[in-house]
Structure formats: structure tokens, C-alpha cells
């Protein structure tokens, strides 16, 4: 990890195409501005972790549904609730 001291208005360049600028510093934290090419995705780490967790949970649920379907007895349709009947 590279650790730098920067003041508001100072910037760093990453890989020649990404520019990170210190906007402000105070007791609550640091505000950063990030300039990057449009094809570069920039997300907060906590959001990326949350999305990955949700994707993993959805994948596990889809796998469990497929397993239940594979274990269902052959030839028997799944049980469903009868719907309302209409008379004409």
C-alpha cells in the first residue's frame, strides 16, 4: 500500500488515466474527486461487497431451487393451489 500526504487541491495519477484529487479535509474525513475514463467503473467498496453478497445469495437460492426440482418425483406435477373458477 502506498501512503501519501496530500493537501486540498493536490492530486495523484493512477496508471496515467485516473486522477484522484483531494477536495477537502476536516475532522469528519476527506473528500476526494476522481476523474477516470468512462469505461472504468468506480464504486465504493461497501457497495461492491454488498452486491457480491447478494449475487452469492441469489446463486445459492437458484441452486437450491434446481436441487428441489431435481429431487421431485418424476411424473407428478407440482402441487398448486386451485384458482377461482368462473361460470359462463
PDB file of N, CA and C in Angstrom:
ATOM      1  N   UNK A   1       0.853  -1.166   0.000  1.00  0.00           N
ATOM      2  CA  UNK A   1       0.000   0.000   0.000  1.00  0.00           C
ATOM      3  C   UNK A   1       0.900   1.231   0.000  1.00  0.00           C
ATOM      4  N   UNK A   2       0.576   2.148  -0.866  1.00  0.00           N
ATOM      5  CA  UNK A   2       1.291   3.422  -0.929  1.00  0.00           C
ATOM      6  C   UNK A   2       0.561   4.431  -0.044  1.00  0.00           C
ATOM      7  N   UNK A   3       1.263   5.065   0.837  1.00  0.00           N
ATOM      8  CA  UNK A   3       0.665   6.067   1.724  1.00  0.00           C
ATOM      9  C   UNK A   3       1.288   7.416   1.382  1.00  0.00           C
ATOM     10  N   UNK A   4       0.439   8.379   1.054  1.00  0.00           N
ATOM     11  CA  UNK A   4       0.888   9.706   0.660  1.00  0.00           C
ATOM     12  C   UNK A   4       0.248  10.766   1.541  1.00  0.00           C
ATOM     13  N   UNK A   5       0.938  11.862   1.697  1.00  0.00           N
ATOM     14  CA  UNK A   5       0.358  13.040   2.345  1.00  0.00           C
ATOM     15  C   UNK A   5      -0.002  14.016   1.231  1.00  0.00           C
ATOM     16  N   UNK A   6      -1.247  14.447   1.209  1.00  0.00           N
ATOM     17  CA  UNK A   6      -1.720  15.383   0.194  1.00  0.00           C
ATOM     18  C   UNK A   6      -2.517  16.463   0.878  1.00  0.00           C
ATOM     19  N   UNK A   7      -2.564  17.638   0.268  1.00  0.00           N
ATOM     20  CA  UNK A   7      -3.359  18.759   0.777  1.00  0.00           C
ATOM     21  C   UNK A   7      -4.487  19.035  -0.205  1.00  0.00           C
ATOM     22  N   UNK A   8      -5.520  19.744   0.237  1.00  0.00           N
ATOM     23  CA  UNK A   8      -6.600  20.075  -0.704  1.00  0.00           C
ATOM     24  C   UNK A   8      -6.047  20.721  -1.972  1.00  0.00           C
ATOM     25  N   UNK A   9      -6.522  20.230  -3.106  1.00  0.00           N
ATOM     26  CA  UNK A   9      -6.061  20.705  -4.403  1.00  0.00           C
ATOM     27  C   UNK A   9      -4.976  19.830  -5.002  1.00  0.00           C
ATOM     28  N   UNK A  10      -4.261  19.051  -4.167  1.00  0.00           N
ATOM     29  CA  UNK A  10      -3.234  18.142  -4.670  1.00  0.00           C
ATOM     30  C   UNK A  10      -3.900  16.926  -5.300  1.00  0.00           C
ATOM     31  N   UNK A  11      -3.200  16.303  -6.239  1.00  0.00           N
ATOM     32  CA  UNK A  11      -3.764  15.149  -6.939  1.00  0.00           C
ATOM     33  C   UNK A  11      -2.715  14.052  -7.080  1.00  0.00           C
ATOM     34  N   UNK A  12      -3.180  12.856  -7.353  1.00  0.00           N
ATOM     35  CA  UNK A  12      -2.300  11.750  -7.729  1.00  0.00           C
ATOM     36  C   UNK A  12      -2.846  11.151  -9.019  1.00  0.00           C
ATOM     37  N   UNK A  13      -1.960  10.579  -9.817  1.00  0.00           N
ATOM     38  CA  UNK A  13      -2.359   9.912 -11.058  1.00  0.00           C
ATOM     39  C   UNK A  13      -2.141   8.415 -10.899  1.00  0.00           C
ATOM     40  N   UNK A  14      -3.117   7.639 -11.347  1.00  0.00           N
ATOM     41  CA  UNK A  14      -3.024   6.186 -11.294  1.00  0.00           C
ATOM     42  C   UNK A  14      -3.084   5.673 -12.723  1.00  0.00           C
ATOM     43  N   UNK A  15      -2.053   4.961 -13.123  1.00  0.00           N
ATOM     44  CA  UNK A  15      -1.989   4.334 -14.440  1.00  0.00           C
ATOM     45  C   UNK A  15      -2.189   5.341 -15.564  1.00  0.00           C
ATOM     46  N   UNK A  16      -1.868   6.596 -15.332  1.00  0.00           N
ATOM     47  CA  UNK A  16      -1.926   7.606 -16.368  1.00  0.00           C
ATOM     48  C   UNK A  16      -3.317   8.058 -16.779  1.00  0.00           C
ATOM     49  N   UNK A  17      -4.366   7.338 -16.411  1.00  0.00           N
ATOM     50  CA  UNK A  17      -5.704   7.703 -16.854  1.00  0.00           C
ATOM     51  C   UNK A  17      -6.681   8.030 -15.746  1.00  0.00           C
ATOM     52  N   UNK A  18      -6.271   7.797 -14.510  1.00  0.00           N
ATOM     53  CA  UNK A  18      -7.160   8.041 -13.374  1.00  0.00           C
ATOM     54  C   UNK A  18      -6.505   9.098 -12.493  1.00  0.00           C
ATOM     55  N   UNK A  19      -7.249  10.149 -12.214  1.00  0.00           N
ATOM     56  CA  UNK A  19      -6.737  11.263 -11.402  1.00  0.00           C
ATOM     57  C   UNK A  19      -7.583  11.366 -10.142  1.00  0.00           C
ATOM     58  N   UNK A  20      -6.942  11.316  -8.982  1.00  0.00           N
ATOM     59  CA  UNK A  20      -7.614  11.450  -7.687  1.00  0.00           C
ATOM     60  C   UNK A  20      -7.160  12.770  -7.075  1.00  0.00           C
ATOM     61  N   UNK A  21      -8.139  13.638  -6.779  1.00  0.00           N
ATOM     62  CA  UNK A  21      -7.845  14.975  -6.259  1.00  0.00           C
ATOM     63  C   UNK A  21      -8.417  15.089  -4.848  1.00  0.00           C
ATOM     64  N   UNK A  22      -7.626  15.645  -3.935  1.00  0.00           N
ATOM     65  CA  UNK A  22      -8.115  15.923  -2.581  1.00  0.00           C
ATOM     66  C   UNK A  22      -8.921  17.212  -2.664  1.00  0.00           C
ATOM     67  N   UNK A  23     -10.209  17.118  -2.366  1.00  0.00           N
ATOM     68  CA  UNK A  23     -11.097  18.281  -2.423  1.00  0.00           C
ATOM     69  C   UNK A  23     -11.085  19.027  -1.095  1.00  0.00           C
ATOM     70  N   UNK A  24     -11.241  18.298  -0.001  1.00  0.00           N
ATOM     71  CA  UNK A  24     -11.280  18.936   1.320  1.00  0.00           C
ATOM     72  C   UNK A  24     -10.897  17.929   2.397  1.00  0.00           C
ATOM     73  N   UNK A  25     -10.403  18.445   3.506  1.00  0.00           N
ATOM     74  CA  UNK A  25     -10.071  17.628   4.680  1.00  0.00           C
ATOM     75  C   UNK A  25     -10.632  18.330   5.913  1.00  0.00           C
ATOM     76  N   UNK A  26     -11.250  17.553   6.784  1.00  0.00           N
ATOM     77  CA  UNK A  26     -11.684  18.098   8.066  1.00  0.00           C
ATOM     78  C   UNK A  26     -11.723  16.969   9.076  1.00  0.00           C
ATOM     79  N   UNK A  27     -12.264  17.225  10.258  1.00  0.00           N
ATOM     80  CA  UNK A  27     -12.285  16.212  11.312  1.00  0.00           C
ATOM     81  C   UNK A  27     -13.152  15.008  10.961  1.00  0.00           C
ATOM     82  N   UNK A  28     -14.131  15.203  10.063  1.00  0.00           N
ATOM     83  CA  UNK A  28     -15.023  14.101   9.685  1.00  0.00           C
ATOM     84  C   UNK A  28     -14.411  13.174   8.650  1.00  0.00           C
ATOM     85  N   UNK A  29     -13.434  13.669   7.877  1.00  0.00           N
ATOM     86  CA  UNK A  29     -12.820  12.825   6.872  1.00  0.00           C
ATOM     87  C   UNK A  29     -12.261  13.625   5.719  1.00  0.00           C
ATOM     88  N   UNK A  30     -12.103  12.958   4.601  1.00  0.00           N
ATOM     89  CA  UNK A  30     -11.505  13.554   3.404  1.00  0.00           C
ATOM     90  C   UNK A  30     -12.500  13.438   2.258  1.00  0.00           C
ATOM     91  N   UNK A  31     -12.624  14.494   1.480  1.00  0.00           N
ATOM     92  CA  UNK A  31     -13.423  14.437   0.264  1.00  0.00           C
ATOM     93  C   UNK A  31     -12.469  14.289  -0.909  1.00  0.00           C
ATOM     94  N   UNK A  32     -12.745  13.292  -1.753  1.00  0.00           N
ATOM     95  CA  UNK A  32     -11.911  13.030  -2.915  1.00  0.00           C
ATOM     96  C   UNK A  32     -12.723  13.220  -4.178  1.00  0.00           C
ATOM     97  N   UNK A  33     -12.071  13.708  -5.206  1.00  0.00           N
ATOM     98  CA  UNK A  33     -12.659  13.763  -6.534  1.00  0.00           C
ATOM     99  C   UNK A  33     -11.902  12.769  -7.404  1.00  0.00           C
ATOM    100  N   UNK A  34     -12.615  12.008  -8.223  1.00  0.00           N
ATOM    101  CA  UNK A  34     -11.968  11.002  -9.065  1.00  0.00           C
ATOM    102  C   UNK A  34     -12.352  11.249 -10.514  1.00  0.00           C
ATOM    103  N   UNK A  35     -11.352  11.423 -11.358  1.00  0.00           N
ATOM    104  CA  UNK A  35     -11.561  11.551 -12.792  1.00  0.00           C
ATOM    105  C   UNK A  35     -10.996  10.293 -13.434  1.00  0.00           C
ATOM    106  N   UNK A  36     -11.828   9.621 -14.245  1.00  0.00           N
ATOM    107  CA  UNK A  36     -11.395   8.384 -14.890  1.00  0.00           C
ATOM    108  C   UNK A  36     -12.108   8.240 -16.226  1.00  0.00           C
ATOM    109  N   UNK A  37     -11.544   7.450 -17.131  1.00  0.00           N
ATOM    110  CA  UNK A  37     -12.237   7.184 -18.397  1.00  0.00           C
ATOM    111  C   UNK A  37     -13.601   6.543 -18.133  1.00  0.00           C
ATOM    112  N   UNK A  38     -14.535   6.745 -19.056  1.00  0.00           N
ATOM    113  CA  UNK A  38     -15.903   6.247 -18.852  1.00  0.00           C
ATOM    114  C   UNK A  38     -15.969   4.733 -18.745  1.00  0.00           C
ATOM    115  N   UNK A  39     -15.011   4.023 -19.305  1.00  0.00           N
ATOM    116  CA  UNK A  39     -15.049   2.553 -19.235  1.00  0.00           C
ATOM    117  C   UNK A  39     -14.547   2.007 -17.899  1.00  0.00           C
ATOM    118  N   UNK A  40     -14.034   2.883 -17.037  1.00  0.00           N
ATOM    119  CA  UNK A  40     -13.571   2.471 -15.713  1.00  0.00           C
ATOM    120  C   UNK A  40     -14.717   2.603 -14.728  1.00  0.00           C
ATOM    121  N   UNK A  41     -15.049   1.514 -14.062  1.00  0.00           N
ATOM    122  CA  UNK A  41     -16.119   1.512 -13.069  1.00  0.00           C
ATOM    123  C   UNK A  41     -15.552   1.941 -11.716  1.00  0.00           C
ATOM    124  N   UNK A  42     -16.242   2.882 -11.073  1.00  0.00           N
ATOM    125  CA  UNK A  42     -15.820   3.354  -9.759  1.00  0.00           C
ATOM    126  C   UNK A  42     -16.998   3.172  -8.809  1.00  0.00           C
ATOM    127  N   UNK A  43     -16.811   2.339  -7.779  1.00  0.00           N
ATOM    128  CA  UNK A  43     -17.852   2.127  -6.766  1.00  0.00           C
ATOM    129  C   UNK A  43     -17.193   2.133  -5.393  1.00  0.00           C
ATOM    130  N   UNK A  44     -17.991   2.482  -4.398  1.00  0.00           N
ATOM    131  CA  UNK A  44     -17.497   2.396  -3.020  1.00  0.00           C
ATOM    132  C   UNK A  44     -17.346   0.926  -2.652  1.00  0.00           C
ATOM    133  N   UNK A  45     -16.344   0.607  -1.864  1.00  0.00           N
ATOM    134  CA  UNK A  45     -16.066  -0.778  -1.517  1.00  0.00           C
ATOM    135  C   UNK A  45     -17.247  -1.443  -0.825  1.00  0.00           C
ATOM    136  N   UNK A  46     -17.917  -0.737   0.086  1.00  0.00           N
ATOM    137  CA  UNK A  46     -19.026  -1.368   0.807  1.00  0.00           C
ATOM    138  C   UNK A  46     -20.174  -1.726  -0.131  1.00  0.00           C
ATOM    139  N   UNK A  47     -20.360  -0.958  -1.204  1.00  0.00           N
ATOM    140  CA  UNK A  47     -21.398  -1.277  -2.186  1.00  0.00           C
ATOM    141  C   UNK A  47     -20.994  -2.502  -2.993  1.00  0.00           C
ATOM    142  N   UNK A  48     -19.729  -2.582  -3.392  1.00  0.00           N
ATOM    143  CA  UNK A  48     -19.243  -3.734  -4.148  1.00  0.00           C
ATOM    144  C   UNK A  48     -19.376  -5.017  -3.325  1.00  0.00           C
ATOM    145  N   UNK A  49     -19.072  -4.951  -2.041  1.00  0.00           N
ATOM    146  CA  UNK A  49     -19.202  -6.119  -1.161  1.00  0.00           C
ATOM    147  C   UNK A  49     -20.670  -6.517  -1.030  1.00  0.00           C
ATOM    148  N   UNK A  50     -21.555  -5.540  -0.868  1.00  0.00           N
ATOM    149  CA  UNK A  50     -22.985  -5.820  -0.741  1.00  0.00           C
ATOM    150  C   UNK A  50     -23.529  -6.484  -2.005  1.00  0.00           C
ATOM    151  N   UNK A  51     -23.138  -5.992  -3.172  1.00  0.00           N
ATOM    152  CA  UNK A  51     -23.591  -6.575  -4.437  1.00  0.00           C
ATOM    153  C   UNK A  51     -23.067  -8.006  -4.573  1.00  0.00           C
ATOM    154  N   UNK A  52     -21.808  -8.235  -4.226  1.00  0.00           N
ATOM    155  CA  UNK A  52     -21.237  -9.581  -4.308  1.00  0.00           C
ATOM    156  C   UNK A  52     -21.967 -10.544  -3.373  1.00  0.00           C
ATOM    157  N   UNK A  53     -22.293 -10.088  -2.157  1.00  0.00           N
ATOM    158  CA  UNK A  53     -23.036 -10.927  -1.213  1.00  0.00           C
ATOM    159  C   UNK A  53     -24.420 -11.274  -1.749  1.00  0.00           C
ATOM    160  N   UNK A  54     -25.112 -10.289  -2.313  1.00  0.00           N
ATOM    161  CA  UNK A  54     -26.440 -10.527  -2.878  1.00  0.00           C
ATOM    162  C   UNK A  54     -26.370 -11.500  -4.052  1.00  0.00           C
ATOM    163  N   UNK A  55     -25.372 -11.351  -4.907  1.00  0.00           N
ATOM    164  CA  UNK A  55     -25.209 -12.268  -6.035  1.00  0.00           C
ATOM    165  C   UNK A  55     -24.953 -13.690  -5.552  1.00  0.00           C
ATOM    166  N   UNK A  56     -24.133 -13.830  -4.521  1.00  0.00           N
ATOM    167  CA  UNK A  56     -23.841 -15.152  -3.976  1.00  0.00           C
ATOM    168  C   UNK A  56     -25.100 -15.763  -3.358  1.00  0.00           C
ATOM    169  N   UNK A  57     -25.883 -14.948  -2.649  1.00  0.00           N
ATOM    170  CA  UNK A  57     -27.116 -15.438  -2.028  1.00  0.00           C
ATOM    171  C   UNK A  57     -28.127 -15.859  -3.097  1.00  0.00           C
ATOM    172  N   UNK A  58     -28.250 -15.069  -4.161  1.00  0.00           N
ATOM    173  CA  UNK A  58     -29.181 -15.403  -5.243  1.00  0.00           C
ATOM    174  C   UNK A  58     -28.749 -16.670  -5.962  1.00  0.00           C
ATOM    175  N   UNK A  59     -27.455 -16.833  -6.148  1.00  0.00           N
ATOM    176  CA  UNK A  59     -26.935 -18.035  -6.808  1.00  0.00           C
ATOM    177  C   UNK A  59     -27.230 -19.271  -5.958  1.00  0.00           C
ATOM    178  N   UNK A  60     -27.053 -19.149  -4.653  1.00  0.00           N
ATOM    179  CA  UNK A  60     -27.328 -20.272  -3.759  1.00  0.00           C
ATOM    180  C   UNK A  60     -28.813 -20.626  -3.775  1.00  0.00           C
ATOM    181  N   UNK A  61     -29.680 -19.605  -3.808  1.00  0.00           N
ATOM    182  CA  UNK A  61     -31.124 -19.865  -3.842  1.00  0.00           C
ATOM    183  C   UNK A  61     -31.518 -20.530  -5.161  1.00  0.00           C
ATOM    184  N   UNK A  62     -30.931 -20.095  -6.262  1.00  0.00           N
ATOM    185  CA  UNK A  62     -31.230 -20.693  -7.564  1.00  0.00           C
ATOM    186  C   UNK A  62     -30.754 -22.138  -7.584  1.00  0.00           C
ATOM    187  N   UNK A  63     -29.595 -22.394  -6.988  1.00  0.00           N
ATOM    188  CA  UNK A  63     -29.082 -23.768  -6.915  1.00  0.00           C
ATOM    189  C   UNK A  63     -29.982 -24.654  -6.070  1.00  0.00           C
ATOM    190  N   UNK A  64     -30.502 -24.116  -4.956  1.00  0.00           N
ATOM    191  CA  UNK A  64     -31.394 -24.894  -4.090  1.00  0.00           C
ATOM    192  C   UNK A  64     -32.708 -25.188  -4.802  1.00  0.00           C
ATOM    193  N   UNK A  65     -33.236 -24.225  -5.557  1.00  0.00           N
ATOM    194  CA  UNK A  65     -34.478 -24.444  -6.297  1.00  0.00           C
ATOM    195  C   UNK A  65     -34.281 -25.528  -7.348  1.00  0.00           C
ATOM    196  N   UNK A  66     -33.148 -25.512  -8.031  1.00  0.00           N
ATOM    197  CA  UNK A  66     -32.844 -26.539  -9.031  1.00  0.00           C
ATOM    198  C   UNK A  66     -32.707 -27.907  -8.393  1.00  0.00           C
ATOM    199  N   UNK A  67     -32.104 -27.959  -7.203  1.00  0.00           N
ATOM    200  CA  UNK A  67     -31.953 -29.222  -6.491  1.00  0.00           C
ATOM    201  C   UNK A  67     -33.311 -29.777  -6.082  1.00  0.00           C
ATOM    202  N   UNK A  68     -34.198 -28.930  -5.575  1.00  0.00           N
ATOM    203  CA  UNK A  68     -35.540 -29.384  -5.202  1.00  0.00           C
ATOM    204  C   UNK A  68     -36.295 -29.907  -6.415  1.00  0.00           C
ATOM    205  N   UNK A  69     -36.140 -29.235  -7.539  1.00  0.00           N
ATOM    206  CA  UNK A  69     -36.812 -29.678  -8.757  1.00  0.00           C
ATOM    207  C   UNK A  69     -36.251 -31.025  -9.208  1.00  0.00           C
ATOM    208  N   UNK A  70     -34.946 -31.208  -9.090  1.00  0.00           N
ATOM    209  CA  UNK A  70     -34.330 -32.467  -9.500  1.00  0.00           C
ATOM    210  C   UNK A  70     -34.742 -33.601  -8.583  1.00  0.00           C
ATOM    211  N   UNK A  71     -35.015 -33.309  -7.304  1.00  0.00           N
ATOM    212  CA  UNK A  71     -35.400 -34.351  -6.346  1.00  0.00           C
ATOM    213  C   UNK A  71     -36.890 -34.670  -6.377  1.00  0.00           C
ATOM    214  N   UNK A  72     -37.698 -33.859  -7.058  1.00  0.00           N
ATOM    215  CA  UNK A  72     -39.149 -34.089  -7.116  1.00  0.00           C
ATOM    216  C   UNK A  72     -39.426 -35.397  -7.840  1.00  0.00           C
ATOM    217  N   UNK A  73     -40.432 -36.160  -7.387  1.00  0.00           N
ATOM    218  CA  UNK A  73     -40.760 -37.417  -8.056  1.00  0.00           C
ATOM    219  C   UNK A  73     -41.138 -37.169  -9.523  1.00  0.00           C
ATOM    220  N   UNK A  74     -40.655 -38.044 -10.384  1.00  0.00           N
ATOM    221  CA  UNK A  74     -40.941 -37.909 -11.812  1.00  0.00           C
ATOM    222  C   UNK A  74     -42.404 -38.224 -12.082  1.00  0.00           C
ATOM    223  N   UNK A  75     -42.991 -37.517 -13.018  1.00  0.00           N
ATOM    224  CA  UNK A  75     -44.361 -37.794 -13.423  1.00  0.00           C
ATOM    225  C   UNK A  75     -45.413 -37.080 -12.601  1.00  0.00           C
ATOM    226  N   UNK A  76     -45.052 -36.542 -11.457  1.00  0.00           N
ATOM    227  CA  UNK A  76     -46.021 -35.825 -10.630  1.00  0.00           C
ATOM    228  C   UNK A  76     -45.863 -34.339 -10.870  1.00  0.00           C
ATOM    229  N   UNK A  77     -46.928 -33.673 -11.279  1.00  0.00           N
ATOM    230  CA  UNK A  77     -46.824 -32.222 -11.436  1.00  0.00           C
ATOM    231  C   UNK A  77     -46.727 -31.572 -10.061  1.00  0.00           C
ATOM    232  N   UNK A  78     -46.113 -30.433  -9.965  1.00  0.00           N
ATOM    233  CA  UNK A  78     -46.025 -29.752  -8.674  1.00  0.00           C
ATOM    234  C   UNK A  78     -47.404 -29.365  -8.170  1.00  0.00           C
ATOM    235  N   UNK A  79     -47.550 -29.383  -6.841  1.00  0.00           N
ATOM    236  CA  UNK A  79     -48.840 -29.012  -6.254  1.00  0.00           C
ATOM    237  C   UNK A  79     -49.036 -27.514  -6.372  1.00  0.00           C
ATOM    238  N   UNK A  80     -50.233 -27.139  -6.771  1.00  0.00           N
ATOM    239  CA  UNK A  80     -50.583 -25.722  -6.852  1.00  0.00           C
ATOM    240  C   UNK A  80     -51.921 -25.530  -6.191  1.00  0.00           C
ATOM    241  N   UNK A  81     -52.182 -24.334  -5.792  1.00  0.00           N
ATOM    242  CA  UNK A  81     -53.485 -24.012  -5.214  1.00  0.00           C
ATOM    243  C   UNK A  81     -54.507 -23.850  -6.330  1.00  0.00           C
ATOM    244  N   UNK A  82     -55.711 -24.347  -6.102  1.00  0.00           N
ATOM    245  CA  UNK A  82     -56.730 -24.141  -7.142  1.00  0.00           C
ATOM    246  C   UNK A  82     -57.080 -22.674  -7.229  1.00  0.00           C
ATOM    247  N   UNK A  83     -57.236 -22.197  -8.439  1.00  0.00           N
ATOM    248  CA  UNK A  83     -57.587 -20.794  -8.657  1.00  0.00           C
ATOM    249  C   UNK A  83     -59.100 -20.620  -8.650  1.00  0.00           C
ATOM    250  N   UNK A  84     -59.568 -19.398  -8.704  1.00  0.00           N
ATOM    251  CA  UNK A  84     -61.012 -19.154  -8.739  1.00  0.00           C
ATOM    252  C   UNK A  84     -61.597 -19.671 -10.054  1.00  0.00           C
ATOM    253  N   UNK A  85     -62.776 -20.211  -9.943  1.00  0.00           N
ATOM    254  CA  UNK A  85     -63.442 -20.731 -11.139  1.00  0.00           C
ATOM    255  C   UNK A  85     -64.518 -19.744 -11.547  1.00  0.00           C
ATOM    256  N   UNK A  86     -64.744 -19.651 -12.822  1.00  0.00           N
ATOM    257  CA  UNK A  86     -65.795 -18.756 -13.314  1.00  0.00           C
ATOM    258  C   UNK A  86     -66.787 -19.592 -14.078  1.00  0.00           C
ATOM    259  N   UNK A  87     -68.030 -19.236 -13.944  1.00  0.00           N
ATOM    260  CA  UNK A  87     -69.099 -19.928 -14.675  1.00  0.00           C
ATOM    261  C   UNK A  87     -69.618 -18.990 -15.742  1.00  0.00           C
ATOM    262  N   UNK A  88     -69.850 -19.552 -16.929  1.00  0.00           N
ATOM    263  CA  UNK A  88     -70.371 -18.726 -18.005  1.00  0.00           C
ATOM    264  C   UNK A  88     -71.737 -19.177 -18.395  1.00  0.00           C
TER     265      UNK A  88
END
